[in-house]
Amino acid sequence: MNDLISVVVPVFNEERAVASTMKQLKEVMDKSGYDYEIITVNDGSKDKSLEILKEINGINVISHPYNLGYSASIKDGIKHAKGNLILITDADGTYPIREIPNLLKHIDKYDMVVGNRKTDNVPLLRKPAKFMIAKLGNFVSGKKIPDINCGLRIFKKGIALRFWNLFPSGFSFTITITLACLTNEYTVKYVPISYFKRKGKSTIHPIKDFVNFINLIARIATYFNPFKVFFSVSILLFIMGFLIFLYTFYIGRIADITVIVILLSSLQVFLIGLVADLIVKKR
């Protein structure tokens, strides 16, 4: 018998698309062969999203009194989920609901199955940030990540519970669970999906959220793979000190103190990385 799938959909000011999203979800899941429940989390919407959700039969509606954030909504949905499998998607019409069966057919063999979006409809302003975040994610995980923050994915509930305290409130649930899985030997499958133009106004703030994403990746890197981070910084410091030594030697005025401080800093960072790595492995 198939496991119960809990479909969690965060909703924030999505009055233009939420009704059609729910309709498609119910149609697709009815045909999937899985038992399922749909949990919508209204995250303090100021439009008619909540009113629309309350009129739809066959879904569970959770409502926040004010906006708590994307990750907070996902976590709240997972708290109320009865299934061992969690399927998340957005309510803004960007994700291809009818392609969900392409993900479901892989979940028996993998711990998490993620959509790999075509980038045609990704706003131009977000592409450079997306590229840099992807490169950092690749570095931290040691693997090539086709789509680090796709919001259409299915995963085992136990994975989310294991890393529960790592999930902040903002646009970071997807990045966090991706890196948590890839740095802890969970199996992840990427499935090509379409990606549509959003219905309504995006709530993402490119600069602010980009800074938050970078901060998030740095924290996850030091949490799961600290030696790789500290070793890289140590090497950079060593190279910097060596180059300064060569330059000052060439001009005949060796910067002894500067070179010594930088090289000692390199050694210190390296040793901190070793200690941090031992702590992580022991934990």
Protein backbone atom coordinates (compact mmCIF):
# COMPACT_ATOMS: atom_id res chain seq x y z
CA MET A 1 0.00 0.00 0.00
CA ASN A 2 1.36 3.46 -0.86
CA ASP A 3 2.29 5.85 1.95
CA LEU A 4 0.03 8.80 2.65
CA ILE A 5 1.32 11.91 0.89
CA SER A 6 0.84 15.23 2.64
CA VAL A 7 0.79 18.05 0.09
CA VAL A 8 1.87 21.31 1.74
CA VAL A 9 1.15 24.57 -0.08
CA PRO A 10 2.21 27.92 1.41
CA VAL A 11 -0.06 30.78 0.35
CA PHE A 12 0.67 34.50 0.58
CA ASN A 13 -1.44 36.93 -1.46
CA GLU A 14 -2.17 34.42 -4.24
CA GLU A 15 -5.82 35.20 -4.98
CA ARG A 16 -5.17 35.10 -8.74
CA ALA A 17 -3.82 31.55 -8.84
CA VAL A 18 -4.69 29.67 -5.66
CA ALA A 19 -8.09 28.35 -6.82
CA SER A 20 -6.74 26.91 -10.08
CA THR A 21 -3.72 25.47 -8.23
CA MET A 22 -5.95 23.65 -5.75
CA LYS A 23 -8.19 22.35 -8.52
CA GLN A 24 -5.24 20.95 -10.47
CA LEU A 25 -3.71 19.46 -7.33
CA LYS A 26 -6.87 17.57 -6.45
CA GLU A 27 -7.28 16.29 -10.00
CA VAL A 28 -3.65 15.12 -10.24
CA MET A 29 -3.54 13.51 -6.81
CA ASP A 30 -6.89 11.77 -7.36
CA LYS A 31 -5.34 10.02 -10.38
CA SER A 32 -1.97 9.33 -8.73
CA GLY A 33 -2.98 6.15 -6.92
CA TYR A 34 -1.70 7.57 -3.62
CA ASP A 35 -3.68 8.40 -0.53
CA TYR A 36 -3.18 12.08 0.09
CA GLU A 37 -4.14 15.18 2.03
CA ILE A 38 -3.72 18.81 1.01
CA ILE A 39 -2.60 21.29 3.65
CA THR A 40 -2.66 24.95 2.70
CA VAL A 41 -0.95 27.46 4.95
CA ASN A 42 -2.25 30.99 4.53
CA ASP A 43 0.68 33.12 5.68
CA GLY A 44 -1.13 36.29 6.68
CA SER A 45 -2.44 37.12 3.20
CA LYS A 46 -3.92 40.60 2.83
CA ASP A 47 -5.96 39.80 -0.27
CA LYS A 48 -8.81 37.30 -0.71
CA SER A 49 -6.63 34.17 -0.60
CA LEU A 50 -8.00 32.96 2.74
CA GLU A 51 -11.61 33.50 1.66
CA ILE A 52 -10.99 31.50 -1.51
CA LEU A 53 -9.30 28.67 0.40
CA LYS A 54 -12.19 28.37 2.85
CA GLU A 55 -14.60 27.82 -0.04
CA ILE A 56 -12.63 24.87 -1.45
CA ASN A 57 -13.74 21.42 -0.29
CA GLY A 58 -11.31 18.64 0.55
CA ILE A 59 -8.37 20.70 1.78
CA ASN A 60 -7.07 21.60 5.22
CA VAL A 61 -6.54 25.30 5.83
CA ILE A 62 -4.10 26.70 8.39
CA SER A 63 -3.96 30.47 8.73
CA HIS A 64 -1.31 32.70 10.29
CA PRO A 65 -2.51 36.01 11.76
CA TYR A 66 0.39 37.77 10.01
CA ASN A 67 3.22 36.90 7.62
CA LEU A 68 5.81 34.56 9.16
CA GLY A 69 7.72 33.58 6.04
CA TYR A 70 7.93 30.80 3.46
CA SER A 71 9.93 28.33 5.56
CA ALA A 72 7.73 28.96 8.61
CA SER A 73 4.68 28.09 6.49
CA ILE A 74 6.26 24.89 5.19
CA LYS A 75 7.23 23.87 8.72
CA ASP A 76 3.75 24.58 10.02
CA GLY A 77 2.29 22.42 7.25
CA ILE A 78 4.70 19.59 8.09
CA LYS A 79 3.73 19.81 11.78
CA HIS A 80 0.13 19.13 10.82
CA ALA A 81 0.96 16.49 8.19
CA LYS A 82 -0.20 12.93 8.78
CA GLY A 83 1.80 11.40 5.93
CA ASN A 84 5.34 10.03 5.87
CA LEU A 85 5.92 11.73 2.52
CA ILE A 86 5.79 15.51 2.09
CA LEU A 87 5.09 17.10 -1.28
CA ILE A 88 5.53 20.86 -1.47
CA THR A 89 4.58 23.25 -4.25
CA ASP A 90 3.68 26.92 -4.58
CA ALA A 91 0.26 28.47 -5.12
CA ASP A 92 1.37 31.10 -7.64
CA GLY A 93 0.97 29.06 -10.82
CA THR A 94 4.70 28.78 -11.59
CA TYR A 95 5.07 25.05 -11.04
CA PRO A 96 3.58 22.44 -13.40
CA ILE A 97 1.11 20.61 -11.16
CA ARG A 98 0.34 18.09 -13.89
CA GLU A 99 3.99 16.97 -13.93
CA ILE A 100 3.87 15.87 -10.28
CA PRO A 101 3.41 12.18 -11.27
CA ASN A 102 6.85 12.36 -12.92
CA LEU A 103 8.28 13.06 -9.47
CA LEU A 104 6.10 10.59 -7.59
CA LYS A 105 7.29 7.60 -9.62
CA HIS A 106 10.83 8.02 -8.25
CA ILE A 107 10.12 8.47 -4.54
CA ASP A 108 10.26 4.72 -3.78
CA LYS A 109 13.95 4.69 -4.78
CA TYR A 110 15.11 8.08 -3.49
CA ASP A 111 14.93 10.04 -0.25
CA MET A 112 14.00 13.24 -2.08
CA VAL A 113 12.84 14.00 -5.62
CA VAL A 114 13.21 17.58 -6.87
CA GLY A 115 12.05 19.44 -9.94
CA ASN A 116 14.78 20.80 -12.21
CA ARG A 117 13.28 23.96 -13.72
CA LYS A 118 13.85 25.38 -17.14
CA THR A 119 15.13 28.92 -16.56
CA ASP A 120 13.18 30.60 -19.36
CA ASN A 121 10.80 32.33 -16.95
CA VAL A 122 13.25 33.16 -14.16
CA PRO A 123 13.38 36.99 -13.88
CA LEU A 124 16.60 38.44 -15.30
CA LEU A 125 17.40 40.25 -12.05
CA ARG A 126 17.43 36.94 -10.14
CA LYS A 127 19.62 34.96 -12.56
CA PRO A 128 23.04 36.24 -11.35
CA ALA A 129 22.09 35.59 -7.71
CA LYS A 130 20.74 32.16 -8.61
CA PHE A 131 24.00 31.36 -10.43
CA MET A 132 26.20 32.37 -7.48
CA ILE A 133 24.06 30.52 -4.96
CA ALA A 134 24.20 27.40 -7.13
CA LYS A 135 28.01 27.60 -7.34
CA LEU A 136 28.31 27.96 -3.57
CA GLY A 137 25.94 25.04 -3.10
CA ASN A 138 28.04 22.91 -5.45
CA PHE A 139 31.17 23.80 -3.48
CA VAL A 140 29.63 22.96 -0.11
CA SER A 141 28.07 19.67 -1.20
CA GLY A 142 30.84 18.56 -3.55
CA LYS A 143 28.14 17.71 -6.09
CA LYS A 144 26.62 19.47 -9.08
CA ILE A 145 23.17 20.68 -8.05
CA PRO A 146 20.89 21.25 -11.07
CA ASP A 147 18.35 23.36 -9.14
CA ILE A 148 19.15 24.22 -5.53
CA ASN A 149 15.92 25.95 -4.51
CA CYS A 150 13.11 24.51 -6.60
CA GLY A 151 9.86 24.66 -4.63
CA LEU A 152 8.32 21.58 -6.24
CA ARG A 153 9.70 18.51 -4.49
CA ILE A 154 8.77 15.43 -2.49
CA PHE A 155 10.76 14.10 0.46
CA LYS A 156 10.49 11.83 3.46
CA LYS A 157 9.11 13.59 6.51
CA GLY A 158 11.84 12.12 8.73
CA ILE A 159 14.50 14.11 6.87
CA ALA A 160 12.79 17.41 7.64
CA LEU A 161 12.37 16.42 11.29
CA ARG A 162 16.06 15.50 11.58
CA PHE A 163 17.20 18.96 10.45
CA TRP A 164 14.24 20.86 11.86
CA ASN A 165 16.19 23.45 13.85
CA LEU A 166 18.23 24.46 10.80
CA PHE A 167 15.23 25.83 8.89
CA PRO A 168 14.85 29.62 9.27
CA SER A 169 11.60 31.43 8.53
CA GLY A 170 12.33 33.03 5.14
CA PHE A 171 13.00 31.78 1.60
CA SER A 172 15.45 29.11 2.65
CA PHE A 173 13.66 25.86 3.40
CA THR A 174 14.43 24.43 -0.03
CA ILE A 175 18.14 25.37 0.00
CA THR A 176 18.56 24.05 3.54
CA ILE A 177 16.98 20.67 2.92
CA THR A 178 18.87 20.31 -0.37
CA LEU A 179 22.28 20.87 1.23
CA ALA A 180 21.33 18.86 4.32
CA CYS A 181 20.49 15.86 2.13
CA LEU A 182 23.52 16.10 -0.15
CA THR A 183 26.00 16.53 2.71
CA ASN A 184 24.52 13.65 4.71
CA GLU A 185 24.41 10.93 2.05
CA TYR A 186 20.69 11.03 1.35
CA THR A 187 19.75 10.13 -2.21
CA VAL A 188 18.33 12.92 -4.35
CA LYS A 189 16.78 12.64 -7.81
CA TYR A 190 16.30 15.62 -10.14
CA VAL A 191 13.48 15.51 -12.68
CA PRO A 192 13.18 18.09 -15.50
CA ILE A 193 10.02 20.19 -15.20
CA SER A 194 8.50 23.20 -16.88
CA TYR A 195 8.40 26.58 -15.14
CA PHE A 196 5.73 29.15 -15.85
CA LYS A 197 5.46 32.89 -15.47
CA ARG A 198 4.14 33.85 -12.07
CA LYS A 199 0.55 35.01 -11.64
CA GLY A 200 0.67 38.06 -9.41
CA LYS A 201 3.51 39.96 -7.76
CA SER A 202 6.59 38.17 -6.43
CA THR A 203 7.37 38.58 -2.71
CA ILE A 204 11.10 37.91 -3.18
CA HIS A 205 13.45 40.85 -2.55
CA PRO A 206 16.45 40.14 -4.82
CA ILE A 207 19.21 41.88 -2.83
CA LYS A 208 17.95 41.21 0.68
CA ASP A 209 17.11 37.56 0.02
CA PHE A 210 20.36 37.02 -1.90
CA VAL A 211 22.34 38.18 1.15
CA ASN A 212 20.23 35.93 3.38
CA PHE A 213 20.80 32.97 1.03
CA ILE A 214 24.58 33.48 1.09
CA ASN A 215 24.52 33.71 4.88
CA LEU A 216 22.42 30.55 5.03
CA ILE A 217 24.79 28.58 2.81
CA ALA A 218 27.78 29.76 4.87
CA ARG A 219 26.10 28.57 8.07
CA ILE A 220 25.15 25.21 6.57
CA ALA A 221 28.67 24.79 5.19
CA THR A 222 30.23 25.32 8.61
CA TYR A 223 27.63 23.05 10.17
CA PHE A 224 27.97 20.08 7.81
CA ASN A 225 31.34 20.47 6.11
CA PRO A 226 33.47 22.87 8.19
CA PHE A 227 36.88 21.57 7.18
CA LYS A 228 36.26 22.28 3.52
CA VAL A 229 35.38 25.89 4.31
CA PHE A 230 38.18 26.55 6.79
CA PHE A 231 40.75 24.75 4.65
CA SER A 232 39.83 26.91 1.65
CA VAL A 233 40.17 30.11 3.71
CA SER A 234 43.47 28.82 5.13
CA ILE A 235 44.87 28.21 1.64
CA LEU A 236 43.81 31.69 0.50
CA LEU A 237 45.55 33.27 3.49
CA PHE A 238 48.69 31.22 2.89
CA ILE A 239 48.83 32.23 -0.77
CA MET A 240 48.25 35.87 0.19
CA GLY A 241 51.08 35.78 2.72
CA PHE A 242 53.42 34.04 0.29
CA LEU A 243 52.70 36.58 -2.47
CA ILE A 244 53.27 39.49 -0.10
CA PHE A 245 56.58 37.92 0.93
CA LEU A 246 57.67 37.53 -2.72
CA TYR A 247 56.67 41.09 -3.60
CA THR A 248 58.37 42.69 -0.61
CA PHE A 249 61.46 40.52 -1.10
CA TYR A 250 61.65 41.64 -4.72
CA ILE A 251 61.49 45.34 -3.82
CA GLY A 252 64.03 44.81 -1.01
CA ARG A 253 61.75 45.65 1.93
CA ILE A 254 60.43 42.38 3.39
CA ALA A 255 57.22 42.93 5.40
CA ASP A 256 58.17 40.51 8.17
CA ILE A 257 55.35 41.27 10.61
CA THR A 258 52.63 41.31 7.95
CA VAL A 259 53.76 38.01 6.42
CA ILE A 260 54.09 36.32 9.81
CA VAL A 261 50.64 37.47 10.95
CA ILE A 262 48.99 36.26 7.74
CA LEU A 263 50.76 32.89 7.78
CA LEU A 264 49.96 32.36 11.45
CA SER A 265 46.32 33.24 10.70
CA SER A 266 46.37 30.65 7.92
CA LEU A 267 47.63 28.01 10.34
CA GLN A 268 45.10 29.01 12.98
CA VAL A 269 42.17 28.80 10.54
CA PHE A 270 43.41 25.39 9.38
CA LEU A 271 43.55 24.08 12.96
CA ILE A 272 40.09 25.48 13.74
CA GLY A 273 38.81 23.62 10.68
CA LEU A 274 40.31 20.36 11.94
CA VAL A 275 38.73 20.78 15.37
CA ALA A 276 35.35 21.73 13.88
CA ASP A 277 35.47 18.72 11.57
CA LEU A 278 36.19 16.40 14.49
CA ILE A 279 33.26 17.87 16.43
CA VAL A 280 30.89 17.41 13.48
CA LYS A 281 31.96 13.81 12.92
CA LYS A 282 31.66 13.01 16.62
CA ARG A 283 28.19 14.57 16.70
